[in-house]
Protein backbone atom coordinates (compact mmCIF):
# COMPACT_ATOMS: atom_id res chain seq x y z
CA MET A 1 0.03 -0.03 0.01
CA ASN A 2 1.03 3.62 -0.43
CA ALA A 3 0.75 6.27 2.29
CA ASN A 4 -2.63 7.48 1.06
CA GLN A 5 -4.09 4.03 1.06
CA LEU A 6 -2.84 3.38 4.57
CA THR A 7 -4.34 6.70 5.67
CA THR A 8 -7.72 5.62 4.44
CA LEU A 9 -7.44 2.14 5.86
CA LEU A 10 -6.20 3.26 9.28
CA LYS A 11 -8.38 6.37 9.47
CA VAL A 12 -5.53 8.55 10.68
CA ASP A 13 -3.93 11.79 9.44
CA TYR A 14 -1.70 11.52 6.36
CA ARG A 15 1.19 13.22 8.22
CA THR A 16 0.93 10.66 10.97
CA VAL A 17 1.17 7.84 8.40
CA ARG A 18 4.14 9.51 6.62
CA HIS A 19 5.93 10.02 9.91
CA HIS A 20 5.60 6.38 10.92
CA LEU A 21 6.51 5.11 7.42
CA ASP A 22 9.65 7.18 7.52
CA ILE A 23 10.65 5.77 10.92
CA LEU A 24 9.91 2.19 9.85
CA GLU A 25 11.86 2.66 6.61
CA LYS A 26 14.79 4.31 8.43
CA ASN A 27 14.94 1.29 10.80
CA GLY A 28 14.91 -1.25 8.02
CA MET A 29 11.46 -2.66 8.66
CA LEU A 30 9.93 -1.55 5.33
CA THR A 31 11.07 -1.81 1.74
CA PRO A 32 9.87 1.01 -0.42
CA VAL A 33 9.14 0.42 -4.11
CA GLY A 34 8.62 3.35 -6.51
CA GLU A 35 9.02 7.04 -6.07
CA ARG A 36 7.20 9.98 -4.41
CA TYR A 37 3.38 9.87 -4.13
CA GLY A 38 2.92 6.31 -5.47
CA LYS A 39 5.70 4.71 -3.43
CA LEU A 40 4.51 1.38 -2.07
CA TYR A 41 5.71 -0.16 1.20
CA PHE A 42 6.35 -3.82 1.84
CA PRO A 43 7.80 -5.67 4.87
CA SER A 44 11.50 -5.84 4.57
CA PHE A 45 13.39 -9.17 4.32
CA GLU A 46 14.77 -8.60 7.76
CA LEU A 47 11.28 -8.05 9.24
CA GLU A 48 9.94 -11.15 7.55
CA GLN A 49 12.81 -13.21 8.91
CA ASN A 50 12.12 -11.96 12.46
CA LEU A 51 8.33 -12.21 12.60
CA ASP A 52 8.46 -14.57 15.60
CA TYR A 53 10.30 -11.85 17.58
CA LEU A 54 7.77 -9.24 16.57
CA GLU A 55 4.94 -11.61 17.68
CA GLU A 56 6.64 -12.13 20.98
CA ILE A 57 6.98 -8.39 21.56
CA LEU A 58 3.38 -7.64 20.62
CA ASN A 59 2.13 -10.45 22.88
CA LYS A 60 3.89 -8.79 25.80
CA PHE A 61 1.71 -5.67 25.12
CA GLY A 62 -1.41 -7.84 24.85
CA ILE A 63 -1.62 -7.38 21.05
CA LYS A 64 -2.72 -10.46 19.11
CA PHE A 65 -0.55 -11.04 16.07
CA LYS A 66 -1.32 -13.53 13.34
CA ASN A 67 1.52 -14.41 11.04
CA GLU A 68 -0.24 -15.80 7.93
CA THR A 69 3.09 -16.91 6.35
CA ARG A 70 4.02 -19.52 9.04
CA ASP A 71 3.73 -23.15 7.99
CA ASP A 72 1.69 -24.06 11.14
CA ASP A 73 -0.90 -21.39 10.33
CA VAL A 74 -1.23 -22.67 6.76
CA ASN A 75 -1.69 -26.27 7.90
CA GLU A 76 -4.51 -25.22 10.28
CA LYS A 77 -6.60 -23.79 7.42
């Protein structure tokens, strides 16, 4: 998704979305594709390789995380 699509989906201010996208990109969690307004964002390779750690962190905050790419989730469907 691009920043505008995320703004609509999340129902937050565009500047808020841009701010967080910039932070996530700076910290290597997102891979941008394209330029300027139409730039799309995808999870980085590093983030995908460490989804178990992300899940562990989110669980500590009481946030449920479903990793749809894990083999055990696929086998349960």
